[in-house]
């Protein structure tokens, strides 16, 4: 199992694009890939909840979530900041050459996905069906 620990803070670098998981400073809502500037909007606190995790921004009281309801999620569903905890499952990478973790919406096969693995700042992070792409694998760096 991935070495994520309860109440620890992490930065996540996408294994394909090289940008980090970022709560947009422009709208405090969108989740994007962005160059690492060590801001608290790029740091994520993991909260254990039985068999899943809640992922909270270290820079706000918002959680990593999705636009809409999980029952209507599909490829391309936006990942956004939400006020209520949203359940995620963390697994070790299953992609050859990509060291990190896969983050899935609980109860689904939808992974946290950097759109196209694009390295450009402000690339959207979305849900996408699990596949063997490095753009769905995130390297965790502990902040505490």
Protein backbone atom coordinates (compact mmCIF):
# COMPACT_ATOMS: atom_id res chain seq x y z
CA UNK A 1 0.00 0.00 0.00
CA UNK A 2 1.11 3.55 -0.67
CA UNK A 3 2.93 5.21 2.20
CA UNK A 4 0.33 7.93 2.78
CA UNK A 5 -0.25 8.67 6.47
CA UNK A 6 -3.21 10.14 8.31
CA UNK A 7 -2.97 13.88 9.07
CA UNK A 8 0.22 14.26 7.03
CA UNK A 9 0.67 16.91 4.36
CA UNK A 10 1.91 16.15 0.83
CA UNK A 11 2.68 17.76 -2.48
CA UNK A 12 1.78 15.67 -5.54
CA UNK A 13 3.77 15.84 -8.77
CA UNK A 14 2.20 14.33 -11.86
CA UNK A 15 4.44 11.58 -13.25
CA UNK A 16 3.87 12.62 -16.86
CA UNK A 17 3.39 16.38 -16.87
CA UNK A 18 5.75 17.21 -14.00
CA UNK A 19 3.41 19.83 -12.56
CA UNK A 20 1.91 19.63 -9.08
CA UNK A 21 -1.70 19.29 -7.92
CA UNK A 22 -2.77 22.90 -7.33
CA UNK A 23 -5.87 24.62 -5.96
CA UNK A 24 -6.05 27.57 -8.35
CA UNK A 25 -5.09 30.85 -6.69
CA UNK A 26 -7.13 32.64 -9.35
CA UNK A 27 -10.54 31.25 -8.41
CA UNK A 28 -9.88 29.12 -5.27
CA UNK A 29 -12.07 26.46 -6.93
CA UNK A 30 -10.39 24.81 -9.92
CA UNK A 31 -7.89 21.99 -9.44
CA UNK A 32 -5.08 22.28 -11.97
CA UNK A 33 -1.55 21.23 -12.71
CA UNK A 34 0.92 24.05 -12.04
CA UNK A 35 4.64 24.54 -11.59
CA UNK A 36 5.71 23.96 -8.00
CA UNK A 37 6.06 27.22 -6.03
CA UNK A 38 5.70 25.60 -2.57
CA UNK A 39 2.43 27.39 -1.84
CA UNK A 40 -0.06 26.01 0.66
CA UNK A 41 -2.53 25.78 -2.23
CA UNK A 42 -0.26 22.99 -3.55
CA UNK A 43 -0.16 21.07 -0.28
CA UNK A 44 -2.74 18.46 0.67
CA UNK A 45 -3.61 16.98 4.07
CA UNK A 46 -4.78 13.36 4.08
CA UNK A 47 -7.55 12.50 6.56
CA UNK A 48 -8.18 8.78 7.10
CA UNK A 49 -11.82 7.64 7.08
CA UNK A 50 -12.02 3.84 7.41
CA UNK A 51 -11.08 2.40 4.00
CA UNK A 52 -10.82 5.72 2.18
CA UNK A 53 -9.32 9.20 2.46
CA UNK A 54 -10.48 12.78 2.49
CA UNK A 55 -7.95 15.13 0.88
CA UNK A 56 -7.99 18.67 2.25
CA UNK A 57 -6.15 21.73 0.98
CA UNK A 58 -3.52 22.92 3.46
CA UNK A 59 -4.27 26.48 2.34
CA UNK A 60 -8.03 26.47 2.89
CA UNK A 61 -10.86 24.51 4.49
CA UNK A 62 -11.76 22.96 1.14
CA UNK A 63 -11.51 19.36 0.01
CA UNK A 64 -10.56 17.74 -3.24
CA UNK A 65 -13.87 16.79 -4.86
CA UNK A 66 -15.71 16.74 -8.16
CA UNK A 67 -18.21 18.87 -10.02
CA UNK A 68 -21.59 17.19 -9.62
CA UNK A 69 -22.51 13.86 -8.09
CA UNK A 70 -20.33 10.76 -8.29
CA UNK A 71 -23.25 8.77 -9.75
CA UNK A 72 -23.13 10.95 -12.87
CA UNK A 73 -19.32 11.08 -13.16
CA UNK A 74 -17.78 10.34 -16.53
CA UNK A 75 -14.50 10.81 -18.36
CA UNK A 76 -13.66 14.51 -18.16
CA UNK A 77 -15.61 15.30 -14.97
CA UNK A 78 -13.85 18.29 -13.40
CA UNK A 79 -12.01 17.94 -10.13
CA UNK A 80 -12.69 20.99 -7.96
CA UNK A 81 -12.47 22.29 -4.41
CA UNK A 82 -15.59 21.49 -2.36
CA UNK A 83 -16.70 22.37 1.16
CA UNK A 84 -17.64 18.84 2.26
CA UNK A 85 -15.30 15.83 2.45
CA UNK A 86 -15.22 13.67 -0.69
CA UNK A 87 -14.01 10.05 -0.53
CA UNK A 88 -10.91 8.90 -2.40
CA UNK A 89 -9.04 5.59 -2.51
CA UNK A 90 -5.25 5.51 -2.79
CA UNK A 91 -3.36 2.68 -4.50
CA UNK A 92 0.26 2.12 -5.44
CA UNK A 93 1.17 2.87 -9.05
CA UNK A 94 0.30 0.15 -11.55
CA UNK A 95 2.04 1.96 -14.42
CA UNK A 96 5.46 0.71 -15.46
CA UNK A 97 8.14 3.36 -14.89
CA UNK A 98 5.83 5.70 -12.94
CA UNK A 99 6.66 5.74 -9.24
CA UNK A 100 3.84 7.14 -7.13
CA UNK A 101 0.20 6.61 -6.31
CA UNK A 102 -3.10 6.37 -8.11
CA UNK A 103 -5.96 8.35 -6.54
CA UNK A 104 -9.44 7.06 -7.40
CA UNK A 105 -12.91 8.34 -6.58
CA UNK A 106 -14.19 5.78 -4.06
CA UNK A 107 -16.47 3.12 -5.51
CA UNK A 108 -15.44 3.89 -9.10
CA UNK A 109 -12.69 3.19 -11.59
CA UNK A 110 -12.16 6.94 -12.16
CA UNK A 111 -8.63 8.21 -11.50
CA UNK A 112 -7.35 11.68 -10.74
CA UNK A 113 -6.01 12.57 -14.20
CA UNK A 114 -3.89 15.47 -15.50
CA UNK A 115 -5.57 16.22 -18.83
CA UNK A 116 -3.38 14.70 -21.55
CA UNK A 117 -0.38 14.75 -19.20
CA UNK A 118 0.11 18.34 -20.36
CA UNK A 119 2.96 20.17 -18.59
CA UNK A 120 1.47 23.64 -19.19
CA UNK A 121 0.44 25.65 -16.14
CA UNK A 122 -3.32 25.63 -15.48
CA UNK A 123 -3.94 22.28 -17.20
CA UNK A 124 -7.17 20.91 -15.75
CA UNK A 125 -7.27 17.93 -13.42
CA UNK A 126 -10.22 15.67 -14.12
CA UNK A 127 -11.62 12.22 -13.55
CA UNK A 128 -10.83 9.65 -16.21
CA UNK A 129 -11.29 5.92 -16.38
CA UNK A 130 -8.30 3.97 -15.12
CA UNK A 131 -5.71 3.18 -17.77
CA UNK A 132 -1.96 2.63 -17.78
CA UNK A 133 -1.08 6.30 -18.31
CA UNK A 134 1.54 8.12 -16.21
CA UNK A 135 -0.76 11.17 -16.25
CA UNK A 136 -2.87 9.26 -13.68
CA UNK A 137 0.05 8.64 -11.32
CA UNK A 138 1.16 11.18 -8.73
CA UNK A 139 4.47 11.21 -6.86
CA UNK A 140 3.90 12.15 -3.22
CA UNK A 141 6.42 14.29 -1.33
CA UNK A 142 5.83 14.60 2.42
CA UNK A 143 5.73 18.16 3.75
CA UNK A 144 5.79 17.26 7.48
